Amino acid sequence: SLTRSETTERRQAREKNSRQPTMSFDDLMNDV
């Protein structure tokens, strides 16, 4: 099982502060 749990605000803040591109759920599923 792969679970993603976060509010929209938290996700936006994480993406803003991250230097790495955010992996989408579909990309993660395909890689697994």
All heavy atoms as atom14 arrays in JSON, in Angstrom:
{
  "sequence": "SLTRSETTERRQAREKNSRQPTMSFDDLMNDV",
  "atom14_mask": [
    [1, 1, 1, 1, 1, 1, 0, 0, 0, 0, 0, 0, 0, 0],
    [1, 1, 1, 1, 1, 1, 1, 1, 0, 0, 0, 0, 0, 0],
    [1, 1, 1, 1, 1, 1, 1, 0, 0, 0, 0, 0, 0, 0],
    [1, 1, 1, 1, 1, 1, 1, 1, 1, 1, 1, 0, 0, 0],
    [1, 1, 1, 1, 1, 1, 0, 0, 0, 0, 0, 0, 0, 0],
    [1, 1, 1, 1, 1, 1, 1, 1, 1, 0, 0, 0, 0, 0],
    [1, 1, 1, 1, 1, 1, 1, 0, 0, 0, 0, 0, 0, 0],
    [1, 1, 1, 1, 1, 1, 1, 0, 0, 0, 0, 0, 0, 0],
    [1, 1, 1, 1, 1, 1, 1, 1, 1, 0, 0, 0, 0, 0],
    [1, 1, 1, 1, 1, 1, 1, 1, 1, 1, 1, 0, 0, 0],
    [1, 1, 1, 1, 1, 1, 1, 1, 1, 1, 1, 0, 0, 0],
    [1, 1, 1, 1, 1, 1, 1, 1, 1, 0, 0, 0, 0, 0],
    [1, 1, 1, 1, 1, 0, 0, 0, 0, 0, 0, 0, 0, 0],
    [1, 1, 1, 1, 1, 1, 1, 1, 1, 1, 1, 0, 0, 0],
    [1, 1, 1, 1, 1, 1, 1, 1, 1, 0, 0, 0, 0, 0],
    [1, 1, 1, 1, 1, 1, 1, 1, 1, 0, 0, 0, 0, 0],
    [1, 1, 1, 1, 1, 1, 1, 1, 0, 0, 0, 0, 0, 0],
    [1, 1, 1, 1, 1, 1, 0, 0, 0, 0, 0, 0, 0, 0],
    [1, 1, 1, 1, 1, 1, 1, 1, 1, 1, 1, 0, 0, 0],
    [1, 1, 1, 1, 1, 1, 1, 1, 1, 0, 0, 0, 0, 0],
    [1, 1, 1, 1, 1, 1, 1, 0, 0, 0, 0, 0, 0, 0],
    [1, 1, 1, 1, 1, 1, 1, 0, 0, 0, 0, 0, 0, 0],
    [1, 1, 1, 1, 1, 1, 1, 1, 0, 0, 0, 0, 0, 0],
    [1, 1, 1, 1, 1, 1, 0, 0, 0, 0, 0, 0, 0, 0],
    [1, 1, 1, 1, 1, 1, 1, 1, 1, 1, 1, 0, 0, 0],
    [1, 1, 1, 1, 1, 1, 1, 1, 0, 0, 0, 0, 0, 0],
    [1, 1, 1, 1, 1, 1, 1, 1, 0, 0, 0, 0, 0, 0],
    [1, 1, 1, 1, 1, 1, 1, 1, 0, 0, 0, 0, 0, 0],
    [1, 1, 1, 1, 1, 1, 1, 1, 0, 0, 0, 0, 0, 0],
    [1, 1, 1, 1, 1, 1, 1, 1, 0, 0, 0, 0, 0, 0],
    [1, 1, 1, 1, 1, 1, 1, 1, 0, 0, 0, 0, 0, 0],
    [1, 1, 1, 1, 1, 1, 1, 0, 0, 0, 0, 0, 0, 0]
  ],
  "atom14_positions": [
    [[0.84, -1.19, 0.0], [0.0, 0.0, 0.0], [0.87, 1.25, 0.0], [1.88, 1.32, 0.71], [-0.93, 0.03, 1.22], [-0.19, 0.12, 2.42], [0.0, 0.0, 0.0], [0.0, 0.0, 0.0], [0.0, 0.0, 0.0], [0.0, 0.0, 0.0], [0.0, 0.0, 0.0], [0.0, 0.0, 0.0], [0.0, 0.0, 0.0], [0.0, 0.0, 0.0]],
    [[0.48, 2.21, -0.81], [1.15, 3.51, -0.87], [0.12, 4.55, -0.49], [-0.95, 4.63, -1.1], [1.68, 3.77, -2.28], [2.74, 2.8, -2.79], [2.98, 2.99, -4.27], [4.03, 2.96, -2.01], [0.0, 0.0, 0.0], [0.0, 0.0, 0.0], [0.0, 0.0, 0.0], [0.0, 0.0, 0.0], [0.0, 0.0, 0.0], [0.0, 0.0, 0.0]],
    [[0.42, 5.32, 0.54], [-0.53, 6.28, 1.08], [0.07, 7.68, 1.05], [1.22, 7.87, 1.45], [-0.91, 5.93, 2.53], [-1.44, 4.6, 2.56], [-1.96, 6.88, 3.07], [0.0, 0.0, 0.0], [0.0, 0.0, 0.0], [0.0, 0.0, 0.0], [0.0, 0.0, 0.0], [0.0, 0.0, 0.0], [0.0, 0.0, 0.0], [0.0, 0.0, 0.0]],
    [[-0.74, 8.62, 0.58], [-0.34, 10.02, 0.62], [-1.35, 10.76, 1.47], [-2.54, 10.74, 1.21], [-0.29, 10.62, -0.79], [0.08, 12.1, -0.81], [0.33, 12.6, -2.21], [-0.85, 12.46, -3.04], [-0.88, 12.72, -4.35], [0.23, 13.1, -4.96], [-1.99, 12.58, -5.04], [0.0, 0.0, 0.0], [0.0, 0.0, 0.0], [0.0, 0.0, 0.0]],
    [[-0.86, 11.45, 2.48], [-1.74, 12.14, 3.42], [-1.17, 13.5, 3.76], [-0.2, 13.6, 4.49], [-1.91, 11.31, 4.69], [-2.61, 12.04, 5.67], [0.0, 0.0, 0.0], [0.0, 0.0, 0.0], [0.0, 0.0, 0.0], [0.0, 0.0, 0.0], [0.0, 0.0, 0.0], [0.0, 0.0, 0.0], [0.0, 0.0, 0.0], [0.0, 0.0, 0.0]],
    [[-1.77, 14.56, 3.24], [-1.37, 15.92, 3.58], [-2.41, 16.9, 3.05], [-3.1, 16.63, 2.08], [0.0, 16.27, 3.02], [0.1, 16.21, 1.5], [1.5, 16.56, 1.0], [2.31, 17.04, 1.8], [1.76, 16.34, -0.18], [0.0, 0.0, 0.0], [0.0, 0.0, 0.0], [0.0, 0.0, 0.0], [0.0, 0.0, 0.0], [0.0, 0.0, 0.0]],
    [[-2.51, 18.05, 3.7], [-3.42, 19.08, 3.25], [-2.86, 19.75, 2.01], [-1.67, 19.68, 1.72], [-3.63, 20.14, 4.33], [-2.37, 20.78, 4.58], [-4.17, 19.53, 5.61], [0.0, 0.0, 0.0], [0.0, 0.0, 0.0], [0.0, 0.0, 0.0], [0.0, 0.0, 0.0], [0.0, 0.0, 0.0], [0.0, 0.0, 0.0], [0.0, 0.0, 0.0]],
    [[-3.74, 20.41, 1.28], [-3.3, 21.14, 0.09], [-2.26, 22.19, 0.46], [-1.26, 22.37, -0.25], [-4.51, 21.81, -0.59], [-5.46, 20.79, -0.92], [-4.08, 22.53, -1.85], [0.0, 0.0, 0.0], [0.0, 0.0, 0.0], [0.0, 0.0, 0.0], [0.0, 0.0, 0.0], [0.0, 0.0, 0.0], [0.0, 0.0, 0.0], [0.0, 0.0, 0.0]],
    [[-2.48, 22.9, 1.58], [-1.55, 23.95, 1.99], [-0.17, 23.37, 2.3], [0.85, 23.95, 1.92], [-2.1, 24.69, 3.22], [-3.37, 25.48, 2.96], [-4.62, 24.61, 2.93], [-4.51, 23.4, 3.2], [-5.7, 25.15, 2.6], [0.0, 0.0, 0.0], [0.0, 0.0, 0.0], [0.0, 0.0, 0.0], [0.0, 0.0, 0.0], [0.0, 0.0, 0.0]],
    [[-0.14, 22.25, 2.99], [1.14, 21.63, 3.33], [1.86, 21.16, 2.08], [3.09, 21.3, 1.97], [0.91, 20.45, 4.28], [2.2, 19.77, 4.7], [1.91, 18.63, 5.64], [3.12, 17.9, 5.95], [3.15, 16.79, 6.68], [2.03, 16.3, 7.19], [4.29, 16.18, 6.91], [0.0, 0.0, 0.0], [0.0, 0.0, 0.0], [0.0, 0.0, 0.0]],
    [[1.12, 20.6, 1.15], [1.75, 20.13, -0.09], [2.35, 21.3, -0.86], [3.48, 21.23, -1.36], [0.71, 19.4, -0.97], [1.26, 18.97, -2.32], [0.21, 18.24, -3.14], [-0.98, 19.05, -3.33], [-1.06, 20.02, -4.25], [-0.03, 20.32, -5.01], [-2.19, 20.7, -4.38], [0.0, 0.0, 0.0], [0.0, 0.0, 0.0], [0.0, 0.0, 0.0]],
    [[1.6, 22.4, -0.96], [2.1, 23.55, -1.69], [3.35, 24.12, -1.03], [4.3, 24.52, -1.7], [1.01, 24.62, -1.79], [-0.15, 24.2, -2.7], [-1.3, 25.18, -2.67], [-1.41, 26.0, -1.75], [-2.17, 25.09, -3.66], [0.0, 0.0, 0.0], [0.0, 0.0, 0.0], [0.0, 0.0, 0.0], [0.0, 0.0, 0.0], [0.0, 0.0, 0.0]],
    [[3.36, 24.16, 0.32], [4.52, 24.67, 1.03], [5.73, 23.77, 0.82], [6.86, 24.25, 0.64], [4.2, 24.8, 2.52], [0.0, 0.0, 0.0], [0.0, 0.0, 0.0], [0.0, 0.0, 0.0], [0.0, 0.0, 0.0], [0.0, 0.0, 0.0], [0.0, 0.0, 0.0], [0.0, 0.0, 0.0], [0.0, 0.0, 0.0], [0.0, 0.0, 0.0]],
    [[5.5, 22.44, 0.85], [6.61, 21.51, 0.65], [7.19, 21.64, -0.74], [8.41, 21.65, -0.93], [6.12, 20.07, 0.91], [7.18, 19.01, 0.66], [6.67, 17.62, 1.02], [5.39, 17.33, 0.39], [5.26, 16.99, -0.89], [6.33, 16.91, -1.67], [4.08, 16.71, -1.39], [0.0, 0.0, 0.0], [0.0, 0.0, 0.0], [0.0, 0.0, 0.0]],
    [[6.31, 21.76, -1.74], [6.78, 21.91, -3.11], [7.54, 23.21, -3.31], [8.53, 23.27, -4.04], [5.58, 21.84, -4.08], [4.93, 20.46, -4.13], [3.67, 20.46, -4.98], [3.22, 21.56, -5.38], [3.12, 19.37, -5.24], [0.0, 0.0, 0.0], [0.0, 0.0, 0.0], [0.0, 0.0, 0.0], [0.0, 0.0, 0.0], [0.0, 0.0, 0.0]],
    [[7.11, 24.27, -2.63], [7.77, 25.57, -2.75], [9.16, 25.54, -2.16], [10.1, 26.15, -2.71], [6.92, 26.64, -2.05], [7.51, 28.04, -2.16], [6.61, 29.04, -1.47], [7.19, 30.45, -1.56], [6.3, 31.44, -0.87], [0.0, 0.0, 0.0], [0.0, 0.0, 0.0], [0.0, 0.0, 0.0], [0.0, 0.0, 0.0], [0.0, 0.0, 0.0]],
    [[9.34, 24.83, -1.05], [10.62, 24.8, -0.36], [11.56, 23.71, -0.86], [12.73, 23.68, -0.5], [10.4, 24.62, 1.15], [9.64, 25.79, 1.75], [9.77, 26.92, 1.31], [8.82, 25.5, 2.77], [0.0, 0.0, 0.0], [0.0, 0.0, 0.0], [0.0, 0.0, 0.0], [0.0, 0.0, 0.0], [0.0, 0.0, 0.0], [0.0, 0.0, 0.0]],
    [[11.02, 22.79, -1.65], [11.83, 21.67, -2.12], [12.59, 22.05, -3.38], [12.06, 22.71, -4.27], [10.95, 20.45, -2.4], [11.72, 19.4, -2.95], [0.0, 0.0, 0.0], [0.0, 0.0, 0.0], [0.0, 0.0, 0.0], [0.0, 0.0, 0.0], [0.0, 0.0, 0.0], [0.0, 0.0, 0.0], [0.0, 0.0, 0.0], [0.0, 0.0, 0.0]],
    [[13.85, 21.64, -3.46], [14.65, 21.89, -4.64], [14.49, 20.79, -5.66], [14.92, 20.91, -6.8], [16.13, 22.0, -4.24], [16.43, 23.19, -3.33], [17.91, 23.24, -2.98], [18.2, 24.37, -2.1], [19.42, 24.63, -1.63], [20.45, 23.82, -1.94], [19.6, 25.67, -0.83], [0.0, 0.0, 0.0], [0.0, 0.0, 0.0], [0.0, 0.0, 0.0]],
    [[13.91, 19.67, -5.22], [13.71, 18.54, -6.11], [12.27, 18.54, -6.64], [11.34, 18.9, -5.92], [13.96, 17.22, -5.36], [15.37, 17.07, -4.82], [16.41, 17.0, -5.91], [16.13, 16.47, -7.0], [17.58, 17.54, -5.65], [0.0, 0.0, 0.0], [0.0, 0.0, 0.0], [0.0, 0.0, 0.0], [0.0, 0.0, 0.0], [0.0, 0.0, 0.0]],
    [[12.08, 18.14, -7.89], [10.71, 18.05, -8.41], [9.91, 17.01, -7.64], [10.44, 15.98, -7.24], [10.92, 17.62, -9.87], [12.27, 16.98, -9.9], [13.09, 17.72, -8.87], [0.0, 0.0, 0.0], [0.0, 0.0, 0.0], [0.0, 0.0, 0.0], [0.0, 0.0, 0.0], [0.0, 0.0, 0.0], [0.0, 0.0, 0.0], [0.0, 0.0, 0.0]],
    [[8.65, 17.32, -7.39], [7.79, 16.41, -6.63], [7.34, 15.25, -7.49], [6.86, 15.44, -8.61], [6.56, 17.18, -6.1], [7.01, 18.26, -5.31], [5.69, 16.26, -5.27], [0.0, 0.0, 0.0], [0.0, 0.0, 0.0], [0.0, 0.0, 0.0], [0.0, 0.0, 0.0], [0.0, 0.0, 0.0], [0.0, 0.0, 0.0], [0.0, 0.0, 0.0]],
    [[7.49, 14.01, -6.96], [7.06, 12.82, -7.69], [5.55, 12.68, -7.59], [4.98, 12.81, -6.51], [7.75, 11.58, -7.12], [7.3, 10.28, -7.77], [8.13, 8.81, -7.1], [9.75, 9.0, -7.83], [0.0, 0.0, 0.0], [0.0, 0.0, 0.0], [0.0, 0.0, 0.0], [0.0, 0.0, 0.0], [0.0, 0.0, 0.0], [0.0, 0.0, 0.0]],
    [[4.91, 12.45, -8.72], [3.46, 12.24, -8.7], [3.16, 10.84, -8.21], [4.02, 9.95, -8.22], [2.89, 12.44, -10.1], [3.26, 11.36, -10.95], [0.0, 0.0, 0.0], [0.0, 0.0, 0.0], [0.0, 0.0, 0.0], [0.0, 0.0, 0.0], [0.0, 0.0, 0.0], [0.0, 0.0, 0.0], [0.0, 0.0, 0.0], [0.0, 0.0, 0.0]],
    [[1.9, 10.64, -7.81], [1.48, 9.32, -7.33], [1.58, 8.3, -8.46], [2.01, 7.16, -8.25], [0.05, 9.4, -6.81], [-0.2, 8.52, -5.63], [-1.11, 8.89, -4.64], [0.45, 7.3, -5.48], [-1.35, 8.08, -3.55], [0.21, 6.48, -4.39], [-0.69, 6.87, -3.42], [0.0, 0.0, 0.0], [0.0, 0.0, 0.0], [0.0, 0.0, 0.0]],
    [[1.21, 8.7, -9.66], [1.28, 7.78, -10.8], [2.71, 7.35, -11.08], [2.99, 6.18, -11.36], [0.67, 8.43, -12.05], [-0.84, 8.58, -11.96], [-1.45, 7.83, -11.18], [-1.39, 9.44, -12.66], [0.0, 0.0, 0.0], [0.0, 0.0, 0.0], [0.0, 0.0, 0.0], [0.0, 0.0, 0.0], [0.0, 0.0, 0.0], [0.0, 0.0, 0.0]],
    [[3.65, 8.32, -11.01], [5.06, 7.99, -11.25], [5.58, 7.02, -10.19], [6.32, 6.08, -10.5], [5.9, 9.26, -11.25], [5.65, 10.13, -12.47], [5.13, 9.59, -13.47], [5.97, 11.33, -12.42], [0.0, 0.0, 0.0], [0.0, 0.0, 0.0], [0.0, 0.0, 0.0], [0.0, 0.0, 0.0], [0.0, 0.0, 0.0], [0.0, 0.0, 0.0]],
    [[5.2, 7.27, -8.94], [5.63, 6.39, -7.86], [5.09, 4.98, -8.05], [5.82, 3.98, -7.89], [5.18, 6.94, -6.51], [5.54, 6.1, -5.28], [7.05, 5.98, -5.13], [4.91, 6.69, -4.02], [0.0, 0.0, 0.0], [0.0, 0.0, 0.0], [0.0, 0.0, 0.0], [0.0, 0.0, 0.0], [0.0, 0.0, 0.0], [0.0, 0.0, 0.0]],
    [[3.81, 4.86, -8.39], [3.21, 3.56, -8.62], [3.96, 2.81, -9.73], [4.29, 1.63, -9.59], [1.74, 3.72, -9.01], [0.81, 4.05, -7.87], [0.38, 2.59, -6.89], [-0.69, 1.7, -8.04], [0.0, 0.0, 0.0], [0.0, 0.0, 0.0], [0.0, 0.0, 0.0], [0.0, 0.0, 0.0], [0.0, 0.0, 0.0], [0.0, 0.0, 0.0]],
    [[4.22, 3.49, -10.83], [4.91, 2.85, -11.95], [6.3, 2.39, -11.54], [6.74, 1.29, -11.92], [5.0, 3.83, -13.13], [3.66, 4.08, -13.78], [2.76, 3.24, -13.69], [3.49, 5.22, -14.41], [0.0, 0.0, 0.0], [0.0, 0.0, 0.0], [0.0, 0.0, 0.0], [0.0, 0.0, 0.0], [0.0, 0.0, 0.0], [0.0, 0.0, 0.0]],
    [[7.03, 3.2, -10.77], [8.38, 2.83, -10.35], [8.35, 1.61, -9.42], [9.21, 0.72, -9.52], [9.06, 4.0, -9.64], [9.49, 5.08, -10.62], [9.46, 4.81, -11.84], [9.85, 6.19, -10.17], [0.0, 0.0, 0.0], [0.0, 0.0, 0.0], [0.0, 0.0, 0.0], [0.0, 0.0, 0.0], [0.0, 0.0, 0.0], [0.0, 0.0, 0.0]],
    [[7.37, 1.57, -8.51], [7.26, 0.42, -7.6], [6.94, -0.85, -8.39], [7.52, -1.92, -8.15], [6.19, 0.68, -6.53], [5.89, -0.6, -5.75], [6.65, 1.78, -5.57], [0.0, 0.0, 0.0], [0.0, 0.0, 0.0], [0.0, 0.0, 0.0], [0.0, 0.0, 0.0], [0.0, 0.0, 0.0], [0.0, 0.0, 0.0], [0.0, 0.0, 0.0]]
  ]
}
